[in-house]
Amino acid sequence: MIAILRPGDWFGEHCVAIASLRTSTAATLQPSTIARVSRKDIVRALERTPAFAKLFTFPLLSRFGELEAELMGQMCNPIEERLARILLLLAGFGLQPKAKPVPVKVSQETLVQLAGTARSRAGYFMNRFQNMGLT
């Protein structure tokens, strides 16, 4: 698992650059409405509408930076830091001012997948966070 998206976020942009059907799988944690836009329509809009190209490109570059940071974090940061970062992100910490946090119920299994650790390790650190009064 790489990310949890919020309302208004988009995904699947990799298929615009690479003409493949899909490179990953998305799943919802709660009931969601998802709109599908064909690669052909996106490419046409990018070519014909500079304003759309700008709206598409800047978040895309930001997403690549976030994914790179996430990958480095998975490789270099200890489990406790990864788990704390995930919990802060889920709580909406650091969201842009106009973005509202959306409550999301996340299972321990999902946290384990996001942190890239074993359930016992995630449970250990969740207990430590709770004992420190952080939950």
N, C-alpha and C. Protein backbone atom coordinates (compact mmCIF):
# COMPACT_ATOMS: atom_id res chain seq x y z
N MET A 1 0.85 -1.17 0.00
CA MET A 1 0.00 0.00 0.00
C MET A 1 0.89 1.23 0.00
N ILE A 2 0.55 2.18 -0.83
CA ILE A 2 1.40 3.36 -0.97
C ILE A 2 0.78 4.59 -0.35
N ALA A 3 -0.51 4.79 -0.53
CA ALA A 3 -1.12 6.04 -0.06
C ALA A 3 -2.59 5.86 0.23
N ILE A 4 -3.10 6.78 1.03
CA ILE A 4 -4.53 6.92 1.23
C ILE A 4 -4.90 8.28 0.67
N LEU A 5 -5.82 8.27 -0.29
CA LEU A 5 -6.21 9.50 -0.96
C LEU A 5 -7.41 10.12 -0.27
N ARG A 6 -7.59 11.40 -0.48
CA ARG A 6 -8.70 12.14 0.12
C ARG A 6 -9.68 12.56 -0.98
N PRO A 7 -10.87 12.99 -0.60
CA PRO A 7 -11.84 13.43 -1.62
C PRO A 7 -11.22 14.47 -2.55
N GLY A 8 -11.46 14.29 -3.85
CA GLY A 8 -10.91 15.19 -4.85
C GLY A 8 -9.56 14.78 -5.40
N ASP A 9 -8.88 13.86 -4.73
CA ASP A 9 -7.59 13.36 -5.24
C ASP A 9 -7.85 12.48 -6.46
N TRP A 10 -6.85 12.36 -7.29
CA TRP A 10 -6.95 11.49 -8.46
C TRP A 10 -5.77 10.54 -8.47
N PHE A 11 -5.94 9.47 -9.22
CA PHE A 11 -4.90 8.44 -9.28
C PHE A 11 -4.95 7.80 -10.66
N GLY A 12 -3.95 7.00 -10.97
CA GLY A 12 -3.89 6.33 -12.26
C GLY A 12 -3.17 7.12 -13.32
N GLU A 13 -2.54 8.19 -12.92
CA GLU A 13 -1.87 9.07 -13.89
C GLU A 13 -0.72 8.40 -14.62
N HIS A 14 -0.20 7.33 -14.06
CA HIS A 14 0.90 6.62 -14.71
C HIS A 14 0.49 6.08 -16.07
N CYS A 15 -0.78 5.75 -16.21
CA CYS A 15 -1.27 5.20 -17.48
C CYS A 15 -1.26 6.24 -18.60
N VAL A 16 -1.17 7.51 -18.27
CA VAL A 16 -1.09 8.55 -19.30
C VAL A 16 0.29 8.51 -19.95
N ALA A 17 1.30 8.32 -19.14
CA ALA A 17 2.67 8.29 -19.65
C ALA A 17 3.01 6.96 -20.30
N ILE A 18 2.52 5.89 -19.74
CA ILE A 18 2.80 4.54 -20.24
C ILE A 18 1.48 3.96 -20.73
N ALA A 19 1.45 3.58 -21.98
CA ALA A 19 0.21 3.06 -22.56
C ALA A 19 -0.06 1.63 -22.10
N SER A 20 -0.37 1.49 -20.82
CA SER A 20 -0.71 0.17 -20.30
C SER A 20 -2.09 0.24 -19.67
N LEU A 21 -2.71 -0.88 -19.49
CA LEU A 21 -4.03 -0.87 -18.88
C LEU A 21 -3.98 -0.43 -17.43
N ARG A 22 -3.04 -0.97 -16.67
CA ARG A 22 -2.87 -0.55 -15.29
C ARG A 22 -1.53 -1.02 -14.77
N THR A 23 -1.03 -0.29 -13.79
CA THR A 23 0.24 -0.65 -13.18
C THR A 23 0.08 -0.95 -11.70
N SER A 24 -1.10 -0.65 -11.17
CA SER A 24 -1.34 -0.90 -9.75
C SER A 24 -2.84 -1.07 -9.53
N THR A 25 -3.19 -1.28 -8.29
CA THR A 25 -4.58 -1.51 -7.93
C THR A 25 -5.00 -0.49 -6.89
N ALA A 26 -6.22 0.00 -6.99
CA ALA A 26 -6.78 0.91 -5.99
C ALA A 26 -7.93 0.21 -5.30
N ALA A 27 -8.05 0.45 -4.02
CA ALA A 27 -9.15 -0.09 -3.24
C ALA A 27 -9.65 1.01 -2.31
N THR A 28 -10.94 0.99 -1.99
CA THR A 28 -11.48 2.01 -1.10
C THR A 28 -11.60 1.47 0.32
N LEU A 29 -11.44 2.37 1.28
CA LEU A 29 -11.60 2.02 2.68
C LEU A 29 -13.02 2.31 3.15
N GLN A 30 -13.74 3.10 2.38
CA GLN A 30 -15.12 3.44 2.70
C GLN A 30 -15.86 3.67 1.39
N PRO A 31 -17.19 3.72 1.42
CA PRO A 31 -17.93 3.92 0.17
C PRO A 31 -17.43 5.18 -0.56
N SER A 32 -17.20 5.06 -1.86
CA SER A 32 -16.61 6.14 -2.64
C SER A 32 -17.25 6.22 -4.01
N THR A 33 -17.18 7.40 -4.60
CA THR A 33 -17.59 7.59 -5.98
C THR A 33 -16.32 7.90 -6.77
N ILE A 34 -16.10 7.12 -7.81
CA ILE A 34 -14.89 7.28 -8.62
C ILE A 34 -15.30 7.49 -10.07
N ALA A 35 -14.68 8.47 -10.70
CA ALA A 35 -14.94 8.73 -12.12
C ALA A 35 -13.76 8.22 -12.93
N ARG A 36 -14.05 7.58 -14.02
CA ARG A 36 -13.01 7.05 -14.91
C ARG A 36 -12.93 7.94 -16.15
N VAL A 37 -11.73 8.33 -16.50
CA VAL A 37 -11.49 9.13 -17.69
C VAL A 37 -10.50 8.36 -18.56
N SER A 38 -10.79 8.23 -19.83
CA SER A 38 -9.93 7.44 -20.70
C SER A 38 -8.60 8.16 -20.96
N ARG A 39 -7.59 7.37 -21.22
CA ARG A 39 -6.26 7.90 -21.54
C ARG A 39 -6.35 8.84 -22.73
N LYS A 40 -7.12 8.44 -23.75
CA LYS A 40 -7.27 9.25 -24.97
C LYS A 40 -7.84 10.63 -24.64
N ASP A 41 -8.85 10.69 -23.78
CA ASP A 41 -9.45 11.97 -23.40
C ASP A 41 -8.49 12.85 -22.61
N ILE A 42 -7.74 12.25 -21.71
CA ILE A 42 -6.76 13.01 -20.93
C ILE A 42 -5.67 13.57 -21.84
N VAL A 43 -5.14 12.74 -22.72
CA VAL A 43 -4.07 13.19 -23.63
C VAL A 43 -4.59 14.32 -24.51
N ARG A 44 -5.80 14.18 -25.02
CA ARG A 44 -6.39 15.23 -25.87
C ARG A 44 -6.51 16.53 -25.08
N ALA A 45 -7.01 16.46 -23.85
CA ALA A 45 -7.16 17.66 -23.03
C ALA A 45 -5.80 18.29 -22.72
N LEU A 46 -4.79 17.46 -22.46
CA LEU A 46 -3.45 17.99 -22.20
C LEU A 46 -2.89 18.72 -23.41
N GLU A 47 -3.13 18.18 -24.60
CA GLU A 47 -2.61 18.79 -25.83
C GLU A 47 -3.35 20.07 -26.20
N ARG A 48 -4.64 20.11 -25.96
CA ARG A 48 -5.48 21.22 -26.44
C ARG A 48 -5.72 22.32 -25.42
N THR A 49 -5.53 22.03 -24.16
CA THR A 49 -5.88 23.00 -23.12
C THR A 49 -4.71 23.24 -22.18
N PRO A 50 -3.95 24.30 -22.42
CA PRO A 50 -2.79 24.58 -21.56
C PRO A 50 -3.17 24.73 -20.08
N ALA A 51 -4.33 25.31 -19.80
CA ALA A 51 -4.72 25.47 -18.40
C ALA A 51 -4.93 24.11 -17.74
N PHE A 52 -5.54 23.17 -18.46
CA PHE A 52 -5.72 21.83 -17.92
C PHE A 52 -4.37 21.14 -17.75
N ALA A 53 -3.48 21.33 -18.73
CA ALA A 53 -2.15 20.73 -18.63
C ALA A 53 -1.43 21.21 -17.37
N LYS A 54 -1.59 22.48 -17.05
CA LYS A 54 -0.97 23.02 -15.84
C LYS A 54 -1.62 22.42 -14.59
N LEU A 55 -2.95 22.34 -14.58
CA LEU A 55 -3.65 21.76 -13.45
C LEU A 55 -3.30 20.29 -13.25
N PHE A 56 -3.01 19.60 -14.33
CA PHE A 56 -2.67 18.18 -14.28
C PHE A 56 -1.22 17.98 -13.88
N THR A 57 -0.33 18.80 -14.42
CA THR A 57 1.11 18.62 -14.27
C THR A 57 1.62 18.93 -12.87
N PHE A 58 1.19 20.03 -12.27
CA PHE A 58 1.74 20.42 -10.98
C PHE A 58 1.41 19.41 -9.87
N PRO A 59 0.17 18.97 -9.75
CA PRO A 59 -0.08 17.92 -8.74
C PRO A 59 0.67 16.62 -9.05
N LEU A 60 0.85 16.33 -10.32
CA LEU A 60 1.57 15.13 -10.72
C LEU A 60 3.02 15.20 -10.24
N LEU A 61 3.67 16.33 -10.45
CA LEU A 61 5.04 16.50 -9.98
C LEU A 61 5.11 16.43 -8.46
N SER A 62 4.13 17.03 -7.82
CA SER A 62 4.06 16.96 -6.35
C SER A 62 3.91 15.52 -5.89
N ARG A 63 3.04 14.77 -6.58
CA ARG A 63 2.81 13.37 -6.22
C ARG A 63 4.10 12.56 -6.37
N PHE A 64 4.83 12.79 -7.45
CA PHE A 64 6.09 12.06 -7.64
C PHE A 64 7.06 12.36 -6.50
N GLY A 65 7.11 13.62 -6.09
CA GLY A 65 7.97 13.98 -4.96
C GLY A 65 7.54 13.30 -3.68
N GLU A 66 6.22 13.25 -3.43
CA GLU A 66 5.70 12.59 -2.24
C GLU A 66 6.00 11.09 -2.26
N LEU A 67 5.83 10.48 -3.42
CA LEU A 67 6.10 9.04 -3.53
C LEU A 67 7.59 8.75 -3.34
N GLU A 68 8.44 9.62 -3.87
CA GLU A 68 9.88 9.44 -3.67
C GLU A 68 10.23 9.55 -2.19
N ALA A 69 9.64 10.55 -1.51
CA ALA A 69 9.90 10.72 -0.08
C ALA A 69 9.37 9.52 0.70
N GLU A 70 8.20 9.02 0.30
CA GLU A 70 7.62 7.85 0.96
C GLU A 70 8.51 6.62 0.79
N LEU A 71 9.01 6.43 -0.41
CA LEU A 71 9.90 5.29 -0.67
C LEU A 71 11.18 5.41 0.15
N MET A 72 11.76 6.60 0.20
CA MET A 72 12.96 6.79 1.01
C MET A 72 12.66 6.56 2.48
N GLY A 73 11.49 7.02 2.93
CA GLY A 73 11.10 6.80 4.32
C GLY A 73 10.95 5.32 4.64
N GLN A 74 10.36 4.57 3.70
CA GLN A 74 10.20 3.13 3.90
C GLN A 74 11.56 2.44 4.01
N MET A 75 12.52 2.93 3.26
CA MET A 75 13.84 2.29 3.25
C MET A 75 14.73 2.74 4.40
N CYS A 76 14.59 4.00 4.84
CA CYS A 76 15.57 4.56 5.77
C CYS A 76 15.06 4.84 7.17
N ASN A 77 13.77 5.09 7.35
CA ASN A 77 13.26 5.47 8.66
C ASN A 77 12.88 4.25 9.49
N PRO A 78 13.05 4.35 10.80
CA PRO A 78 12.62 3.25 11.66
C PRO A 78 11.10 3.13 11.65
N ILE A 79 10.60 1.98 12.05
CA ILE A 79 9.17 1.69 12.02
C ILE A 79 8.38 2.72 12.82
N GLU A 80 8.88 3.10 13.99
CA GLU A 80 8.17 4.04 14.85
C GLU A 80 7.92 5.36 14.12
N GLU A 81 8.92 5.87 13.40
CA GLU A 81 8.77 7.12 12.66
C GLU A 81 7.80 6.96 11.49
N ARG A 82 7.88 5.82 10.80
CA ARG A 82 6.96 5.59 9.68
C ARG A 82 5.52 5.54 10.16
N LEU A 83 5.29 4.85 11.25
CA LEU A 83 3.95 4.73 11.79
C LEU A 83 3.44 6.09 12.28
N ALA A 84 4.27 6.84 12.96
CA ALA A 84 3.87 8.18 13.44
C ALA A 84 3.53 9.09 12.25
N ARG A 85 4.32 9.04 11.21
CA ARG A 85 4.06 9.86 10.02
C ARG A 85 2.73 9.49 9.38
N ILE A 86 2.46 8.21 9.27
CA ILE A 86 1.20 7.74 8.69
C ILE A 86 0.03 8.23 9.52
N LEU A 87 0.12 8.13 10.84
CA LEU A 87 -0.97 8.56 11.71
C LEU A 87 -1.20 10.07 11.59
N LEU A 88 -0.13 10.84 11.49
CA LEU A 88 -0.27 12.29 11.30
C LEU A 88 -0.94 12.61 9.96
N LEU A 89 -0.55 11.90 8.92
CA LEU A 89 -1.17 12.12 7.62
C LEU A 89 -2.65 11.76 7.64
N LEU A 90 -2.98 10.65 8.28
CA LEU A 90 -4.38 10.23 8.37
C LEU A 90 -5.20 11.24 9.18
N ALA A 91 -4.57 11.88 10.15
CA ALA A 91 -5.27 12.88 10.96
C ALA A 91 -5.41 14.21 10.25
N GLY A 92 -4.79 14.34 9.07
CA GLY A 92 -4.89 15.57 8.31
C GLY A 92 -3.83 16.59 8.66
N PHE A 93 -2.84 16.20 9.47
CA PHE A 93 -1.77 17.12 9.84
C PHE A 93 -0.99 17.53 8.61
N GLY A 94 -0.82 18.83 8.41
CA GLY A 94 -0.05 19.32 7.28
C GLY A 94 -0.87 19.49 6.01
N LEU A 95 -2.20 19.34 6.09
CA LEU A 95 -3.03 19.56 4.92
C LEU A 95 -3.02 21.03 4.53
N GLN A 96 -3.26 21.30 3.28
CA GLN A 96 -3.36 22.67 2.82
C GLN A 96 -4.51 23.34 3.58
N PRO A 97 -4.47 24.65 3.80
CA PRO A 97 -5.47 25.32 4.63
C PRO A 97 -6.91 25.08 4.20
N LYS A 98 -7.19 25.03 2.91
CA LYS A 98 -8.57 24.87 2.48
C LYS A 98 -9.02 23.40 2.46
N ALA A 99 -8.11 22.47 2.67
CA ALA A 99 -8.47 21.05 2.69
C ALA A 99 -8.98 20.68 4.08
N LYS A 100 -10.09 19.97 4.10
CA LYS A 100 -10.66 19.53 5.38
C LYS A 100 -10.25 18.09 5.64
N PRO A 101 -9.88 17.79 6.89
CA PRO A 101 -9.59 16.40 7.19
C PRO A 101 -10.88 15.57 7.08
N VAL A 102 -10.75 14.38 6.56
CA VAL A 102 -11.88 13.48 6.42
C VAL A 102 -11.62 12.27 7.31
N PRO A 103 -12.52 12.01 8.27
CA PRO A 103 -12.29 10.85 9.14
C PRO A 103 -12.29 9.56 8.32
N VAL A 104 -11.28 8.76 8.55
CA VAL A 104 -11.16 7.48 7.84
C VAL A 104 -10.89 6.41 8.88
N LYS A 105 -11.72 5.37 8.87
CA LYS A 105 -11.45 4.23 9.75
C LYS A 105 -10.43 3.36 9.07
N VAL A 106 -9.33 3.13 9.75
CA VAL A 106 -8.25 2.35 9.19
C VAL A 106 -7.97 1.18 10.11
N SER A 107 -7.95 0.01 9.55
CA SER A 107 -7.67 -1.18 10.34
C SER A 107 -6.19 -1.25 10.67
N GLN A 108 -5.86 -2.07 11.66
CA GLN A 108 -4.46 -2.27 11.99
C GLN A 108 -3.73 -2.91 10.81
N GLU A 109 -4.42 -3.76 10.07
CA GLU A 109 -3.82 -4.40 8.90
C GLU A 109 -3.40 -3.35 7.85
N THR A 110 -4.26 -2.34 7.66
CA THR A 110 -3.93 -1.27 6.71
C THR A 110 -2.73 -0.47 7.20
N LEU A 111 -2.70 -0.17 8.49
CA LEU A 111 -1.53 0.54 9.05
C LEU A 111 -0.26 -0.28 8.87
N VAL A 112 -0.37 -1.57 9.08
CA VAL A 112 0.78 -2.47 8.91
C VAL A 112 1.28 -2.41 7.47
N GLN A 113 0.36 -2.44 6.51
CA GLN A 113 0.75 -2.38 5.11
C GLN A 113 1.38 -1.04 4.77
N LEU A 114 0.81 0.05 5.26
CA LEU A 114 1.37 1.37 4.99
C LEU A 114 2.76 1.53 5.60
N ALA A 115 2.94 1.01 6.80
CA ALA A 115 4.23 1.16 7.49
C ALA A 115 5.25 0.14 7.03
N GLY A 116 4.80 -0.91 6.36
CA GLY A 116 5.73 -1.93 5.90
C GLY A 116 6.35 -2.70 7.05
N THR A 117 5.52 -3.11 8.00
CA THR A 117 6.03 -3.80 9.17
C THR A 117 5.09 -4.94 9.55
N ALA A 118 5.43 -5.65 10.62
CA ALA A 118 4.60 -6.74 11.11
C ALA A 118 3.55 -6.19 12.07
N ARG A 119 2.45 -6.89 12.18
CA ARG A 119 1.35 -6.46 13.04
C ARG A 119 1.82 -6.30 14.49
N SER A 120 2.67 -7.20 14.95
CA SER A 120 3.13 -7.13 16.34
C SER A 120 3.95 -5.86 16.59
N ARG A 121 4.76 -5.47 15.62
CA ARG A 121 5.56 -4.24 15.76
C ARG A 121 4.68 -3.01 15.75
N ALA A 122 3.69 -2.99 14.86
CA ALA A 122 2.76 -1.85 14.80
C ALA A 122 2.00 -1.75 16.12
N GLY A 123 1.53 -2.90 16.64
CA GLY A 123 0.82 -2.90 17.92
C GLY A 123 1.68 -2.39 19.06
N TYR A 124 2.94 -2.80 19.05
CA TYR A 124 3.88 -2.36 20.09
C TYR A 124 4.00 -0.83 20.09
N PHE A 125 4.20 -0.26 18.92
CA PHE A 125 4.38 1.20 18.84
C PHE A 125 3.07 1.95 19.06
N MET A 126 1.94 1.38 18.66
CA MET A 126 0.66 2.02 18.93
C MET A 126 0.44 2.08 20.45
N ASN A 127 0.80 1.01 21.15
CA ASN A 127 0.71 1.02 22.62
C ASN A 127 1.64 2.06 23.22
N ARG A 128 2.84 2.17 22.69
CA ARG A 128 3.77 3.20 23.18
C ARG A 128 3.22 4.59 22.96
N PHE A 129 2.66 4.85 21.77
CA PHE A 129 2.06 6.16 21.49
C PHE A 129 0.93 6.44 22.49
N GLN A 130 0.12 5.41 22.76
CA GLN A 130 -1.01 5.58 23.68
C GLN A 130 -0.49 5.86 25.11
N ASN A 131 0.52 5.15 25.53
CA ASN A 131 1.10 5.37 26.87
C ASN A 131 1.71 6.76 26.99
N MET A 132 2.15 7.31 25.90
CA MET A 132 2.72 8.67 25.91
C MET A 132 1.62 9.73 25.80
N GLY A 133 0.36 9.29 25.65
CA GLY A 133 -0.76 10.23 25.55
C GLY A 133 -0.91 10.84 24.16
N LEU A 134 -0.41 10.17 23.16
CA LEU A 134 -0.44 10.72 21.81
C LEU A 134 -1.64 10.27 20.97
N THR A 135 -2.46 9.39 21.51
CA THR A 135 -3.61 8.92 20.73
C THR A 135 -4.91 9.42 21.32
